[in-house]
Each structure stands twice: as C-alpha cells, then as structure tokens.
Amino acid sequence: MNEQVRNILEQSTTKTSKIEQLLRLGLMRREIADLVTRGNYGFVYNVEKKMLEREGGVLLNRAAPP
C-alpha cells in the first residue's frame, strides 16, 4: 500500500474526510470503499458527488474497466 494512502487511513478524522483525500489521490471508488467503509460503495459515491457539487464539478463514471 502506498505511503500516502496509509497516512490518510491512519488519520484520526472522519470517513468522509479520508474518502475525499483518497479521491483526490486518484483511487477508484471500489478501492476506497474496500479500504474505508468495508465495501460500502454507495457511501463513497455519495461523498464524491457532494464533493464535486461543492467544487462545481461533474460526477464521472470512474468504475474500473471489466
């Protein structure tokens, strides 16, 4: 596991904050869900959606290719 990712996961902050930081690093939603929310993909999706709404961005389909 990348040292940056490990440092984020070890922070004593909210899951939402960790997810936002990991999204900014470019991790896929599925990876983040497995690392932070025990596989709750929907939670990660909703955090990303809110984050992008705040920043004026558009939610893209970032699912891993089959």
C-alpha atoms as a PDB file:
ATOM      1  CA  MET A   1       0.000   0.000   0.000  1.00  0.00           C
ATOM      2  CA  ASN A   2       1.219   3.455  -0.899  1.00  0.00           C
ATOM      3  CA  GLU A   3       2.632   5.503   1.997  1.00  0.00           C
ATOM      4  CA  GLN A   4       0.316   8.445   1.209  1.00  0.00           C
ATOM      5  CA  VAL A   5      -2.704   6.151   1.375  1.00  0.00           C
ATOM      6  CA  ARG A   6      -1.513   4.609   4.630  1.00  0.00           C
ATOM      7  CA  ASN A   7      -1.026   8.063   6.180  1.00  0.00           C
ATOM      8  CA  ILE A   8      -4.545   9.117   5.192  1.00  0.00           C
ATOM      9  CA  LEU A   9      -6.066   5.949   6.630  1.00  0.00           C
ATOM     10  CA  GLU A  10      -4.190   6.422   9.920  1.00  0.00           C
ATOM     11  CA  GLN A  11      -5.519   9.964  10.469  1.00  0.00           C
ATOM     12  CA  SER A  12      -7.967  10.470  13.310  1.00  0.00           C
ATOM     13  CA  THR A  13     -10.531  12.205  11.116  1.00  0.00           C
ATOM     14  CA  THR A  14     -13.923  11.371   9.632  1.00  0.00           C
ATOM     15  CA  LYS A  15     -14.504   8.724   6.983  1.00  0.00           C
ATOM     16  CA  THR A  16     -15.772  11.484   4.713  1.00  0.00           C
ATOM     17  CA  SER A  17     -12.511  13.413   5.008  1.00  0.00           C
ATOM     18  CA  LYS A  18     -10.461  10.282   4.332  1.00  0.00           C
ATOM     19  CA  ILE A  19     -12.587   9.435   1.297  1.00  0.00           C
ATOM     20  CA  GLU A  20     -12.221  12.950  -0.142  1.00  0.00           C
ATOM     21  CA  GLN A  21      -8.440  12.806   0.276  1.00  0.00           C
ATOM     22  CA  LEU A  22      -8.237   9.373  -1.354  1.00  0.00           C
ATOM     23  CA  LEU A  23     -10.418  10.519  -4.260  1.00  0.00           C
ATOM     24  CA  ARG A  24      -8.059  13.451  -4.815  1.00  0.00           C
ATOM     25  CA  LEU A  25      -5.177  10.962  -4.980  1.00  0.00           C
ATOM     26  CA  GLY A  26      -6.979   9.240  -7.840  1.00  0.00           C
ATOM     27  CA  LEU A  27      -8.051   5.987  -6.197  1.00  0.00           C
ATOM     28  CA  MET A  28     -11.103   4.269  -7.638  1.00  0.00           C
ATOM     29  CA  ARG A  29     -14.356   4.249  -5.694  1.00  0.00           C
ATOM     30  CA  ARG A  30     -14.231   0.470  -5.244  1.00  0.00           C
ATOM     31  CA  GLU A  31     -10.706   0.628  -3.770  1.00  0.00           C
ATOM     32  CA  ILE A  32     -11.747   3.370  -1.348  1.00  0.00           C
ATOM     33  CA  ALA A  33     -14.902   1.501  -0.367  1.00  0.00           C
ATOM     34  CA  ASP A  34     -12.852  -1.571   0.497  1.00  0.00           C
ATOM     35  CA  LEU A  35     -10.277   0.444   2.465  1.00  0.00           C
ATOM     36  CA  VAL A  36     -12.522   2.840   4.389  1.00  0.00           C
ATOM     37  CA  THR A  37     -16.130   1.649   4.518  1.00  0.00           C
ATOM     38  CA  ARG A  38     -15.859  -2.157   4.479  1.00  0.00           C
ATOM     39  CA  GLY A  39     -17.103  -2.254   0.903  1.00  0.00           C
ATOM     40  CA  ASN A  40     -19.901   0.343   1.108  1.00  0.00           C
ATOM     41  CA  TYR A  41     -19.561   1.670  -2.450  1.00  0.00           C
ATOM     42  CA  GLY A  42     -22.676   3.856  -2.157  1.00  0.00           C
ATOM     43  CA  PHE A  43     -21.196   5.857   0.713  1.00  0.00           C
ATOM     44  CA  VAL A  44     -18.083   6.633  -1.336  1.00  0.00           C
ATOM     45  CA  TYR A  45     -20.229   7.553  -4.351  1.00  0.00           C
ATOM     46  CA  ASN A  46     -22.294   9.975  -2.254  1.00  0.00           C
ATOM     47  CA  VAL A  47     -19.195  11.607  -0.736  1.00  0.00           C
ATOM     48  CA  GLU A  48     -17.720  12.111  -4.197  1.00  0.00           C
ATOM     49  CA  LYS A  49     -20.988  13.515  -5.515  1.00  0.00           C
ATOM     50  CA  LYS A  50     -21.233  16.067  -2.668  1.00  0.00           C
ATOM     51  CA  MET A  51     -17.564  16.970  -3.015  1.00  0.00           C
ATOM     52  CA  LEU A  52     -17.959  17.651  -6.719  1.00  0.00           C
ATOM     53  CA  GLU A  53     -21.159  19.645  -6.204  1.00  0.00           C
ATOM     54  CA  ARG A  54     -19.282  21.904  -3.769  1.00  0.00           C
ATOM     55  CA  GLU A  55     -16.432  22.335  -6.246  1.00  0.00           C
ATOM     56  CA  GLY A  56     -18.668  22.797  -9.283  1.00  0.00           C
ATOM     57  CA  GLY A  57     -17.512  19.589 -10.945  1.00  0.00           C
ATOM     58  CA  VAL A  58     -19.310  16.796 -12.738  1.00  0.00           C
ATOM     59  CA  LEU A  59     -19.554  13.232 -11.474  1.00  0.00           C
ATOM     60  CA  LEU A  60     -17.948  10.872 -13.976  1.00  0.00           C
ATOM     61  CA  ASN A  61     -18.235   7.112 -14.208  1.00  0.00           C
ATOM     62  CA  ARG A  62     -14.879   6.082 -12.736  1.00  0.00           C
ATOM     63  CA  ALA A  63     -15.628   2.408 -12.332  1.00  0.00           C
ATOM     64  CA  ALA A  64     -12.746   0.087 -13.023  1.00  0.00           C
ATOM     65  CA  PRO A  65     -12.797  -1.391 -16.534  1.00  0.00           C
ATOM     66  CA  PRO A  66     -14.040  -5.009 -16.758  1.00  0.00           C
END
